[in-house]
Structure formats: C-alpha cells, structure tokens
Amino acid sequence: MAIIGGGGIGIDTAKFLVLSHDPAVRARAFEQQFRLASPSTFLESDTLPQRTRVRERPGAAPFAPRPGSDVTVLRRTGKFGAGMGLTSRWVALGELREAGVQFVSDLDYRRITAEGVEVIFADGTSSLVPADVVIVCAGQVSHDPLSAGLAARGIRHEVVGGALDASRVDAVRATRQGIDAARRLAA
C-alpha cells in the first residue's frame, strides 16, 4: 500500500491502517515497547477503588491492522507530518517507524499503475513503489459549496475548519471555530 502525501492527513491515515483500533492493545504495545509494568500489576491491589481497575474492552474492533512493512508513505519534499503539533508528530512518526512503515521523500510522482506508484527522484532515477492500493492524501483545498445558496436565502451561517482554510489542518482550531460559530449563531 502506498500513501501519496506525508502531511498530517497522510500520517493519520497510515496510523489508522497499521495501528490497532483497540486502546487496550495499543496500551499493551506501549508497555512492551518501553518495558513498563502493566497497569494490571498495580491495580490488583485492594487499596485502589474498583472504578480505577483497568478492564479489557468487550468486543474489540474487528479491524485487523495491515503490517506496517506493507505501507509506504510518499512525500514530494519537506518533513513528514508537517503541520502536525510537534509532540503529536514525534509520537505518530515513532509509532509508524516502530510498526515498520517506510517513508520516501524528495521525489515527483510519475504515475499510478496497477503495480504501484512510479516516482522519479531529484537525481533523475526512477523507481516503482509497489502497492496493491494507493491512497491520495495530498492537495488540500478549501471547499464551501453551500455558503452562496445559504446567503441568497438569508440563512445565517458560518464557515469553519478546512472549508474556511485548508492551508493547515488543525483539529483544535477547527473545533474552536465551530464552537465560536455555534455561540454566535445561537445568540
């Protein structure tokens, strides 16, 4: 699998594909990676209230993560995860590297074929990045097809998040804009 675009959305997509969706599984992997004692070791004590005891989530998600070694994230130029928060980026890239995800940058895309993505590097050499699936996470643009019609009908509205400014995806900013817009519209 190849992911075209190594910005925040490409990195989040890779995480979605290779990391377990079950928080208990991710917690155990974290404990093993950093050689930490399992929380259950501490929670077997009768000194802690019952509500603090960790339990496995019933019915873990049926999603089976793809092996990280089967995923390659491609980026024309720049840092992988650019635009993400500094600590979020560091953690996300670490998780993906630990999972075996490959990162390839400083290239141009030639074409997508049935075998994968043909790329050309700055030195003029070309290569095929093998992929059974190609996901494109590049080329963000703001998109607001509704405002004109709402305004023409005199319907109060506000545009927020990526529809307003897709130059930098920021969930915190978008959430804040949404909350502020809801308050203004409710007044």
N, C-alpha and C. Protein backbone atom coordinates (compact mmCIF):
# COMPACT_ATOMS: atom_id res chain seq x y z
N MET A 1 0.84 -1.16 0.00
CA MET A 1 0.00 0.00 0.00
C MET A 1 0.88 1.23 0.00
N ALA A 2 0.51 2.23 -0.79
CA ALA A 2 1.24 3.49 -0.83
C ALA A 2 0.29 4.62 -0.47
N ILE A 3 0.80 5.55 0.33
CA ILE A 3 0.05 6.75 0.68
C ILE A 3 0.79 7.92 0.06
N ILE A 4 0.12 8.60 -0.88
CA ILE A 4 0.70 9.78 -1.50
C ILE A 4 0.33 10.97 -0.64
N GLY A 5 1.34 11.60 -0.06
CA GLY A 5 1.13 12.73 0.82
C GLY A 5 1.55 12.38 2.23
N GLY A 6 2.62 12.99 2.69
CA GLY A 6 3.15 12.69 4.01
C GLY A 6 2.89 13.79 5.02
N GLY A 7 1.86 14.61 4.79
CA GLY A 7 1.48 15.63 5.77
C GLY A 7 0.67 14.97 6.88
N GLY A 8 0.01 15.80 7.66
CA GLY A 8 -0.74 15.30 8.80
C GLY A 8 -1.80 14.28 8.44
N ILE A 9 -2.52 14.50 7.36
CA ILE A 9 -3.58 13.57 6.98
C ILE A 9 -3.00 12.25 6.51
N GLY A 10 -1.91 12.29 5.74
CA GLY A 10 -1.26 11.06 5.31
C GLY A 10 -0.74 10.25 6.49
N ILE A 11 -0.16 10.94 7.48
CA ILE A 11 0.36 10.26 8.67
C ILE A 11 -0.79 9.67 9.48
N ASP A 12 -1.87 10.43 9.66
CA ASP A 12 -3.03 9.90 10.38
C ASP A 12 -3.63 8.70 9.66
N THR A 13 -3.65 8.74 8.34
CA THR A 13 -4.18 7.62 7.56
C THR A 13 -3.30 6.39 7.76
N ALA A 14 -1.99 6.57 7.74
CA ALA A 14 -1.09 5.44 7.97
C ALA A 14 -1.31 4.85 9.36
N LYS A 15 -1.45 5.72 10.36
CA LYS A 15 -1.71 5.23 11.72
C LYS A 15 -3.00 4.42 11.76
N PHE A 16 -4.04 4.92 11.10
CA PHE A 16 -5.32 4.22 11.07
C PHE A 16 -5.16 2.81 10.48
N LEU A 17 -4.31 2.70 9.47
CA LEU A 17 -4.16 1.43 8.76
C LEU A 17 -3.28 0.41 9.50
N VAL A 18 -2.27 0.88 10.22
CA VAL A 18 -1.31 -0.07 10.79
C VAL A 18 -1.40 -0.27 12.29
N LEU A 19 -2.07 0.64 12.99
CA LEU A 19 -2.17 0.50 14.44
C LEU A 19 -3.53 -0.06 14.83
N SER A 20 -3.56 -0.84 15.86
CA SER A 20 -4.82 -1.41 16.34
C SER A 20 -5.77 -0.30 16.75
N HIS A 21 -7.04 -0.54 16.53
CA HIS A 21 -8.06 0.42 16.94
C HIS A 21 -8.48 0.18 18.38
N ASP A 22 -8.00 -0.89 18.98
CA ASP A 22 -8.37 -1.25 20.35
C ASP A 22 -7.39 -0.57 21.31
N PRO A 23 -7.88 0.34 22.17
CA PRO A 23 -6.98 1.04 23.09
C PRO A 23 -6.22 0.10 24.03
N ALA A 24 -6.83 -1.01 24.42
CA ALA A 24 -6.14 -1.94 25.32
C ALA A 24 -4.94 -2.57 24.61
N VAL A 25 -5.10 -2.89 23.34
CA VAL A 25 -3.99 -3.46 22.56
C VAL A 25 -2.88 -2.43 22.42
N ARG A 26 -3.23 -1.17 22.12
CA ARG A 26 -2.22 -0.12 21.98
C ARG A 26 -1.51 0.13 23.31
N ALA A 27 -2.24 0.06 24.41
CA ALA A 27 -1.62 0.27 25.73
C ALA A 27 -0.62 -0.84 26.03
N ARG A 28 -0.97 -2.08 25.73
CA ARG A 28 -0.04 -3.19 25.97
C ARG A 28 1.22 -3.05 25.10
N ALA A 29 1.04 -2.62 23.85
CA ALA A 29 2.20 -2.43 22.96
C ALA A 29 3.11 -1.34 23.50
N PHE A 30 2.52 -0.27 24.02
CA PHE A 30 3.30 0.82 24.61
C PHE A 30 4.07 0.32 25.81
N GLU A 31 3.42 -0.46 26.66
CA GLU A 31 4.08 -1.02 27.86
C GLU A 31 5.27 -1.88 27.46
N GLN A 32 5.07 -2.72 26.44
CA GLN A 32 6.15 -3.60 26.00
C GLN A 32 7.28 -2.81 25.37
N GLN A 33 6.95 -1.83 24.54
CA GLN A 33 7.98 -1.04 23.86
C GLN A 33 8.89 -0.33 24.86
N PHE A 34 8.31 0.20 25.93
CA PHE A 34 9.10 0.95 26.89
C PHE A 34 9.38 0.17 28.17
N ARG A 35 9.13 -1.14 28.11
CA ARG A 35 9.40 -2.05 29.22
C ARG A 35 8.80 -1.55 30.53
N LEU A 36 7.53 -1.22 30.47
CA LEU A 36 6.81 -0.74 31.64
C LEU A 36 6.03 -1.88 32.28
N ALA A 37 5.81 -1.77 33.56
CA ALA A 37 4.96 -2.75 34.24
C ALA A 37 3.53 -2.51 33.78
N SER A 38 2.79 -3.56 33.60
CA SER A 38 1.40 -3.46 33.18
C SER A 38 0.59 -2.78 34.27
N PRO A 39 -0.37 -1.91 33.89
CA PRO A 39 -1.21 -1.29 34.91
C PRO A 39 -1.94 -2.33 35.76
N SER A 40 -2.21 -3.50 35.20
CA SER A 40 -2.91 -4.53 35.98
C SER A 40 -2.06 -4.98 37.16
N THR A 41 -0.74 -4.86 37.04
CA THR A 41 0.15 -5.20 38.16
C THR A 41 -0.16 -4.32 39.36
N PHE A 42 -0.37 -3.03 39.07
CA PHE A 42 -0.65 -2.08 40.13
C PHE A 42 -2.10 -2.13 40.59
N LEU A 43 -2.99 -2.52 39.69
CA LEU A 43 -4.41 -2.45 40.01
C LEU A 43 -4.94 -3.69 40.71
N GLU A 44 -4.10 -4.67 40.95
CA GLU A 44 -4.56 -5.86 41.66
C GLU A 44 -4.63 -5.60 43.16
N SER A 45 -4.08 -4.50 43.57
CA SER A 45 -4.09 -4.13 44.98
C SER A 45 -5.50 -3.75 45.41
N ASP A 46 -5.87 -4.15 46.61
CA ASP A 46 -7.19 -3.80 47.13
C ASP A 46 -7.22 -2.36 47.63
N THR A 47 -6.10 -1.66 47.55
CA THR A 47 -6.07 -0.29 48.05
C THR A 47 -6.68 0.69 47.05
N LEU A 48 -6.87 0.27 45.81
CA LEU A 48 -7.44 1.17 44.82
C LEU A 48 -8.94 0.96 44.70
N PRO A 49 -9.70 2.01 44.50
CA PRO A 49 -11.14 1.84 44.32
C PRO A 49 -11.44 1.01 43.08
N GLN A 50 -12.55 0.34 43.09
CA GLN A 50 -12.94 -0.53 41.99
C GLN A 50 -12.99 0.22 40.66
N ARG A 51 -13.41 1.47 40.66
CA ARG A 51 -13.57 2.21 39.40
C ARG A 51 -12.25 2.47 38.69
N THR A 52 -11.11 2.34 39.36
CA THR A 52 -9.83 2.59 38.72
C THR A 52 -9.25 1.34 38.07
N ARG A 53 -9.87 0.22 38.26
CA ARG A 53 -9.32 -1.01 37.70
C ARG A 53 -9.49 -1.02 36.18
N VAL A 54 -8.42 -1.40 35.48
CA VAL A 54 -8.44 -1.47 34.02
C VAL A 54 -9.05 -2.78 33.59
N ARG A 55 -9.94 -2.69 32.63
CA ARG A 55 -10.59 -3.89 32.09
C ARG A 55 -10.43 -3.89 30.57
N GLU A 56 -10.38 -5.05 30.00
CA GLU A 56 -10.37 -5.16 28.55
C GLU A 56 -11.70 -4.65 28.02
N ARG A 57 -11.66 -3.97 26.91
CA ARG A 57 -12.89 -3.50 26.29
C ARG A 57 -13.61 -4.69 25.67
N PRO A 58 -14.89 -4.88 25.99
CA PRO A 58 -15.60 -6.01 25.40
C PRO A 58 -15.74 -5.83 23.89
N GLY A 59 -15.63 -6.92 23.16
CA GLY A 59 -15.82 -6.90 21.71
C GLY A 59 -14.86 -5.98 21.00
N ALA A 60 -13.57 -6.29 21.02
CA ALA A 60 -12.58 -5.47 20.34
C ALA A 60 -12.95 -5.31 18.88
N ALA A 61 -12.54 -4.20 18.31
CA ALA A 61 -12.87 -3.89 16.92
C ALA A 61 -12.41 -5.01 15.99
N PRO A 62 -13.23 -5.34 14.99
CA PRO A 62 -12.87 -6.42 14.08
C PRO A 62 -11.77 -6.04 13.10
N PHE A 63 -11.32 -4.80 13.13
CA PHE A 63 -10.28 -4.32 12.23
C PHE A 63 -8.97 -5.04 12.49
N ALA A 64 -8.38 -5.58 11.45
CA ALA A 64 -7.06 -6.20 11.57
C ALA A 64 -6.06 -5.26 10.91
N PRO A 65 -5.14 -4.69 11.69
CA PRO A 65 -4.19 -3.75 11.11
C PRO A 65 -3.34 -4.39 10.01
N ARG A 66 -3.00 -3.59 9.04
CA ARG A 66 -2.11 -4.03 7.97
C ARG A 66 -0.69 -3.98 8.52
N PRO A 67 0.14 -4.94 8.18
CA PRO A 67 1.53 -4.87 8.64
C PRO A 67 2.18 -3.57 8.17
N GLY A 68 2.86 -2.89 9.07
CA GLY A 68 3.49 -1.63 8.71
C GLY A 68 4.48 -1.76 7.57
N SER A 69 5.12 -2.92 7.47
CA SER A 69 6.09 -3.13 6.40
C SER A 69 5.43 -3.15 5.02
N ASP A 70 4.10 -3.24 4.98
CA ASP A 70 3.36 -3.21 3.71
C ASP A 70 2.91 -1.80 3.33
N VAL A 71 3.27 -0.81 4.13
CA VAL A 71 2.81 0.57 3.90
C VAL A 71 4.01 1.48 3.66
N THR A 72 3.92 2.29 2.59
CA THR A 72 4.94 3.28 2.28
C THR A 72 4.27 4.63 2.15
N VAL A 73 4.78 5.61 2.90
CA VAL A 73 4.27 6.97 2.83
C VAL A 73 5.22 7.76 1.94
N LEU A 74 4.66 8.43 0.93
CA LEU A 74 5.45 9.18 -0.04
C LEU A 74 5.21 10.68 0.14
N ARG A 75 6.26 11.46 0.03
CA ARG A 75 6.14 12.92 0.15
C ARG A 75 7.10 13.57 -0.82
N ARG A 76 6.60 14.53 -1.58
CA ARG A 76 7.45 15.21 -2.57
C ARG A 76 8.66 15.84 -1.88
N THR A 77 8.42 16.76 -0.96
CA THR A 77 9.50 17.45 -0.24
C THR A 77 9.03 17.75 1.18
N GLY A 78 9.95 18.14 2.01
CA GLY A 78 9.61 18.58 3.35
C GLY A 78 9.58 17.46 4.37
N LYS A 79 9.19 17.84 5.58
CA LYS A 79 9.17 16.90 6.69
C LYS A 79 7.87 16.12 6.70
N PHE A 80 7.98 14.85 7.02
CA PHE A 80 6.78 14.04 7.20
C PHE A 80 6.02 14.55 8.41
N GLY A 81 4.71 14.64 8.27
CA GLY A 81 3.87 15.12 9.36
C GLY A 81 3.91 16.63 9.54
N ALA A 82 4.43 17.35 8.54
CA ALA A 82 4.47 18.81 8.64
C ALA A 82 3.05 19.32 8.86
N GLY A 83 2.94 20.30 9.74
CA GLY A 83 1.62 20.85 10.05
C GLY A 83 0.99 20.23 11.28
N MET A 84 1.52 19.11 11.73
CA MET A 84 1.02 18.49 12.95
C MET A 84 1.68 19.19 14.14
N GLY A 85 1.09 19.07 15.30
CA GLY A 85 1.72 19.59 16.50
C GLY A 85 3.04 18.86 16.73
N LEU A 86 4.00 19.55 17.30
CA LEU A 86 5.35 19.00 17.46
C LEU A 86 5.35 17.65 18.19
N THR A 87 4.70 17.57 19.34
CA THR A 87 4.72 16.31 20.09
C THR A 87 3.86 15.26 19.42
N SER A 88 2.73 15.66 18.82
CA SER A 88 1.89 14.70 18.10
C SER A 88 2.66 14.08 16.94
N ARG A 89 3.40 14.94 16.22
CA ARG A 89 4.18 14.48 15.07
C ARG A 89 5.24 13.47 15.52
N TRP A 90 5.97 13.83 16.58
CA TRP A 90 7.04 12.97 17.08
C TRP A 90 6.50 11.60 17.48
N VAL A 91 5.40 11.59 18.19
CA VAL A 91 4.81 10.32 18.64
C VAL A 91 4.30 9.52 17.44
N ALA A 92 3.57 10.17 16.55
CA ALA A 92 2.99 9.48 15.39
C ALA A 92 4.07 8.85 14.51
N LEU A 93 5.10 9.63 14.20
CA LEU A 93 6.17 9.09 13.36
C LEU A 93 6.90 7.95 14.06
N GLY A 94 7.10 8.07 15.37
CA GLY A 94 7.73 6.99 16.13
C GLY A 94 6.91 5.71 16.08
N GLU A 95 5.60 5.84 16.26
CA GLU A 95 4.72 4.66 16.20
C GLU A 95 4.79 4.00 14.83
N LEU A 96 4.78 4.81 13.78
CA LEU A 96 4.81 4.26 12.43
C LEU A 96 6.15 3.62 12.10
N ARG A 97 7.24 4.24 12.52
CA ARG A 97 8.56 3.63 12.30
C ARG A 97 8.67 2.31 13.05
N GLU A 98 8.18 2.31 14.29
CA GLU A 98 8.20 1.09 15.11
C GLU A 98 7.39 -0.02 14.44
N ALA A 99 6.31 0.36 13.75
CA ALA A 99 5.46 -0.62 13.06
C ALA A 99 6.06 -1.09 11.74
N GLY A 100 7.14 -0.40 11.27
CA GLY A 100 7.80 -0.82 10.04
C GLY A 100 7.38 -0.05 8.80
N VAL A 101 6.62 1.02 8.95
CA VAL A 101 6.21 1.82 7.80
C VAL A 101 7.45 2.44 7.16
N GLN A 102 7.46 2.45 5.82
CA GLN A 102 8.56 3.05 5.07
C GLN A 102 8.20 4.49 4.71
N PHE A 103 9.19 5.38 4.73
CA PHE A 103 8.99 6.78 4.38
C PHE A 103 9.94 7.12 3.23
N VAL A 104 9.41 7.68 2.14
CA VAL A 104 10.23 8.04 0.99
C VAL A 104 9.86 9.46 0.57
N SER A 105 10.88 10.32 0.44
CA SER A 105 10.61 11.72 0.08
C SER A 105 11.59 12.20 -0.98
N ASP A 106 11.47 13.48 -1.29
CA ASP A 106 12.30 14.14 -2.30
C ASP A 106 12.13 13.47 -3.65
N LEU A 107 10.90 13.48 -4.12
CA LEU A 107 10.53 12.81 -5.35
C LEU A 107 9.40 13.54 -6.05
N ASP A 108 9.14 13.15 -7.27
CA ASP A 108 7.96 13.58 -8.02
C ASP A 108 7.21 12.33 -8.43
N TYR A 109 5.91 12.46 -8.55
CA TYR A 109 5.09 11.32 -8.95
C TYR A 109 5.00 11.30 -10.46
N ARG A 110 5.30 10.14 -11.03
CA ARG A 110 5.20 9.99 -12.48
C ARG A 110 3.80 9.52 -12.84
N ARG A 111 3.38 8.40 -12.23
CA ARG A 111 2.02 7.89 -12.48
C ARG A 111 1.71 6.74 -11.53
N ILE A 112 0.42 6.44 -11.43
CA ILE A 112 -0.04 5.30 -10.65
C ILE A 112 -0.39 4.21 -11.64
N THR A 113 0.12 3.02 -11.39
CA THR A 113 -0.15 1.88 -12.26
C THR A 113 -0.80 0.77 -11.44
N ALA A 114 -1.12 -0.31 -12.08
CA ALA A 114 -1.70 -1.46 -11.38
C ALA A 114 -0.69 -2.08 -10.42
N GLU A 115 0.60 -1.82 -10.64
CA GLU A 115 1.65 -2.37 -9.79
C GLU A 115 2.05 -1.45 -8.64
N GLY A 116 1.69 -0.17 -8.73
CA GLY A 116 2.08 0.76 -7.67
C GLY A 116 2.23 2.17 -8.18
N VAL A 117 3.14 2.92 -7.56
CA VAL A 117 3.36 4.33 -7.90
C VAL A 117 4.75 4.49 -8.49
N GLU A 118 4.81 5.01 -9.70
CA GLU A 118 6.10 5.30 -10.31
C GLU A 118 6.53 6.69 -9.86
N VAL A 119 7.75 6.76 -9.31
CA VAL A 119 8.28 8.03 -8.83
C VAL A 119 9.61 8.31 -9.50
N ILE A 120 9.97 9.59 -9.52
CA ILE A 120 11.27 9.99 -10.03
C ILE A 120 11.93 10.84 -8.96
N PHE A 121 13.19 10.54 -8.69
CA PHE A 121 13.93 11.23 -7.64
C PHE A 121 14.69 12.42 -8.21
N ALA A 122 15.18 13.28 -7.34
CA ALA A 122 15.87 14.50 -7.75
C ALA A 122 17.07 14.22 -8.65
N ASP A 123 17.71 13.06 -8.45
CA ASP A 123 18.88 12.73 -9.26
C ASP A 123 18.52 12.16 -10.63
N GLY A 124 17.21 12.10 -10.93
CA GLY A 124 16.75 11.62 -12.23
C GLY A 124 16.43 10.14 -12.28
N THR A 125 16.80 9.38 -11.26
CA THR A 125 16.47 7.96 -11.25
C THR A 125 14.98 7.79 -10.94
N SER A 126 14.44 6.72 -11.46
CA SER A 126 13.03 6.44 -11.21
C SER A 126 12.90 5.09 -10.54
N SER A 127 11.75 4.89 -9.93
CA SER A 127 11.51 3.66 -9.19
C SER A 127 10.02 3.40 -9.13
N LEU A 128 9.68 2.16 -8.93
CA LEU A 128 8.29 1.77 -8.71
C LEU A 128 8.14 1.44 -7.24
N VAL A 129 7.22 2.12 -6.57
CA VAL A 129 6.88 1.79 -5.20
C VAL A 129 5.72 0.81 -5.28
N PRO A 130 5.97 -0.48 -4.99
CA PRO A 130 4.91 -1.47 -5.15
C PRO A 130 3.73 -1.18 -4.23
N ALA A 131 2.52 -1.33 -4.78
CA ALA A 131 1.33 -1.08 -3.97
C ALA A 131 0.12 -1.77 -4.60
N ASP A 132 -0.62 -2.49 -3.77
CA ASP A 132 -1.89 -3.05 -4.22
C ASP A 132 -3.01 -2.04 -4.09
N VAL A 133 -2.80 -1.04 -3.23
CA VAL A 133 -3.75 0.05 -3.01
C VAL A 133 -2.96 1.35 -2.91
N VAL A 134 -3.48 2.43 -3.51
CA VAL A 134 -2.86 3.74 -3.41
C VAL A 134 -3.90 4.70 -2.83
N ILE A 135 -3.53 5.39 -1.76
CA ILE A 135 -4.40 6.37 -1.13
C ILE A 135 -3.77 7.73 -1.33
N VAL A 136 -4.54 8.68 -1.86
CA VAL A 136 -4.02 10.01 -2.10
C VAL A 136 -4.49 10.94 -0.97
N CYS A 137 -3.53 11.44 -0.22
CA CYS A 137 -3.78 12.38 0.89
C CYS A 137 -3.01 13.66 0.62
N ALA A 138 -3.23 14.24 -0.53
CA ALA A 138 -2.49 15.42 -0.94
C ALA A 138 -3.44 16.38 -1.66
N GLY A 139 -3.04 17.63 -1.68
CA GLY A 139 -3.78 18.61 -2.46
C GLY A 139 -4.99 19.19 -1.76
N GLN A 140 -4.86 19.52 -0.49
CA GLN A 140 -5.97 20.10 0.24
C GLN A 140 -6.35 21.47 -0.30
N VAL A 141 -7.63 21.68 -0.49
CA VAL A 141 -8.14 22.99 -0.86
C VAL A 141 -9.41 23.24 -0.05
N SER A 142 -9.67 24.50 0.24
CA SER A 142 -10.91 24.84 0.92
C SER A 142 -12.07 24.56 -0.02
N HIS A 143 -13.18 24.11 0.55
CA HIS A 143 -14.33 23.77 -0.28
C HIS A 143 -15.59 24.19 0.48
N ASP A 144 -16.32 25.12 -0.08
CA ASP A 144 -17.52 25.65 0.57
C ASP A 144 -18.62 25.84 -0.49
N PRO A 145 -19.27 24.76 -0.90
CA PRO A 145 -20.28 24.89 -1.95
C PRO A 145 -21.65 25.40 -1.45
N LEU A 146 -21.83 25.58 -0.15
CA LEU A 146 -23.15 25.91 0.37
C LEU A 146 -23.36 27.38 0.71
N SER A 147 -22.31 28.11 1.03
CA SER A 147 -22.46 29.49 1.53
C SER A 147 -23.25 30.39 0.60
N ALA A 148 -22.98 30.36 -0.68
CA ALA A 148 -23.67 31.26 -1.61
C ALA A 148 -25.18 31.02 -1.58
N GLY A 149 -25.59 29.78 -1.60
CA GLY A 149 -27.02 29.47 -1.56
C GLY A 149 -27.67 29.85 -0.24
N LEU A 150 -26.95 29.62 0.86
CA LEU A 150 -27.48 29.99 2.18
C LEU A 150 -27.62 31.50 2.29
N ALA A 151 -26.60 32.23 1.83
CA ALA A 151 -26.65 33.69 1.88
C ALA A 151 -27.79 34.23 1.02
N ALA A 152 -27.97 33.66 -0.17
CA ALA A 152 -29.03 34.10 -1.06
C ALA A 152 -30.42 33.91 -0.43
N ARG A 153 -30.54 32.93 0.44
CA ARG A 153 -31.81 32.67 1.11
C ARG A 153 -31.92 33.38 2.45
N GLY A 154 -30.90 34.15 2.80
CA GLY A 154 -30.91 34.88 4.05
C GLY A 154 -30.73 34.01 5.28
N ILE A 155 -30.13 32.83 5.11
CA ILE A 155 -29.92 31.91 6.22
C ILE A 155 -28.57 32.20 6.86
N ARG A 156 -28.60 32.49 8.17
CA ARG A 156 -27.36 32.75 8.90
C ARG A 156 -26.51 31.49 8.93
N HIS A 157 -25.25 31.66 8.70
CA HIS A 157 -24.33 30.52 8.69
C HIS A 157 -22.91 31.03 8.87
N GLU A 158 -22.02 30.13 9.19
CA GLU A 158 -20.60 30.45 9.25
C GLU A 158 -19.83 29.27 8.68
N VAL A 159 -18.73 29.54 8.08
CA VAL A 159 -17.85 28.51 7.52
C VAL A 159 -16.66 28.38 8.47
N VAL A 160 -16.30 27.15 8.82
CA VAL A 160 -15.21 26.92 9.77
C VAL A 160 -14.31 25.79 9.27
N GLY A 161 -13.21 25.61 9.98
CA GLY A 161 -12.31 24.48 9.73
C GLY A 161 -11.69 24.50 8.35
N GLY A 162 -11.52 23.34 7.78
CA GLY A 162 -10.88 23.19 6.48
C GLY A 162 -11.68 23.81 5.35
N ALA A 163 -13.01 23.93 5.50
CA ALA A 163 -13.80 24.59 4.46
C ALA A 163 -13.45 26.07 4.37
N LEU A 164 -13.02 26.65 5.49
CA LEU A 164 -12.63 28.05 5.53
C LEU A 164 -11.17 28.23 5.12
N ASP A 165 -10.29 27.36 5.63
CA ASP A 165 -8.85 27.49 5.39
C ASP A 165 -8.21 26.11 5.46
N ALA A 166 -7.90 25.56 4.31
CA ALA A 166 -7.31 24.22 4.26
C ALA A 166 -5.80 24.26 4.17
N SER A 167 -5.21 25.44 4.31
CA SER A 167 -3.76 25.54 4.18
C SER A 167 -3.05 24.81 5.32
N ARG A 168 -3.73 24.65 6.44
CA ARG A 168 -3.11 23.96 7.57
C ARG A 168 -4.22 23.29 8.37
N VAL A 169 -4.31 21.98 8.29
CA VAL A 169 -5.34 21.26 9.02
C VAL A 169 -4.99 21.29 10.50
N ASP A 170 -5.95 21.74 11.28
CA ASP A 170 -5.73 21.88 12.72
C ASP A 170 -7.06 21.58 13.41
N ALA A 171 -7.19 20.40 13.98
CA ALA A 171 -8.45 20.00 14.60
C ALA A 171 -8.81 20.89 15.77
N VAL A 172 -7.83 21.33 16.51
CA VAL A 172 -8.12 22.21 17.66
C VAL A 172 -8.68 23.53 17.17
N ARG A 173 -8.03 24.10 16.15
CA ARG A 173 -8.52 25.37 15.58
C ARG A 173 -9.92 25.19 15.01
N ALA A 174 -10.15 24.12 14.26
CA ALA A 174 -11.46 23.89 13.66
C ALA A 174 -12.54 23.70 14.72
N THR A 175 -12.21 22.99 15.79
CA THR A 175 -13.18 22.80 16.87
C THR A 175 -13.50 24.13 17.53
N ARG A 176 -12.47 24.93 17.80
CA ARG A 176 -12.67 26.25 18.41
C ARG A 176 -13.54 27.11 17.49
N GLN A 177 -13.26 27.11 16.20
CA GLN A 177 -14.06 27.88 15.25
C GLN A 177 -15.51 27.42 15.26
N GLY A 178 -15.71 26.10 15.32
CA GLY A 178 -17.07 25.55 15.33
C GLY A 178 -17.84 25.96 16.58
N ILE A 179 -17.19 25.89 17.73
CA ILE A 179 -17.82 26.28 18.99
C ILE A 179 -18.16 27.78 18.98
N ASP A 180 -17.18 28.59 18.53
CA ASP A 180 -17.42 30.03 18.49
C ASP A 180 -18.55 30.37 17.51
N ALA A 181 -18.57 29.70 16.37
CA ALA A 181 -19.64 29.94 15.39
C ALA A 181 -21.00 29.54 15.95
N ALA A 182 -21.06 28.41 16.64
CA ALA A 182 -22.31 27.97 17.24
C ALA A 182 -22.82 28.99 18.25
N ARG A 183 -21.93 29.53 19.06
CA ARG A 183 -22.32 30.56 20.04
C ARG A 183 -22.85 31.82 19.35
N ARG A 184 -22.15 32.24 18.31
CA ARG A 184 -22.61 33.46 17.60
C ARG A 184 -23.96 33.23 16.93
N LEU A 185 -24.13 32.06 16.33
CA LEU A 185 -25.37 31.77 15.62
C LEU A 185 -26.54 31.55 16.58
N ALA A 186 -26.24 31.07 17.79
CA ALA A 186 -27.30 30.82 18.77
C ALA A 186 -27.74 32.11 19.46
N ALA A 187 -26.92 33.15 19.37
CA ALA A 187 -27.23 34.42 20.08
C ALA A 187 -28.35 35.17 19.39
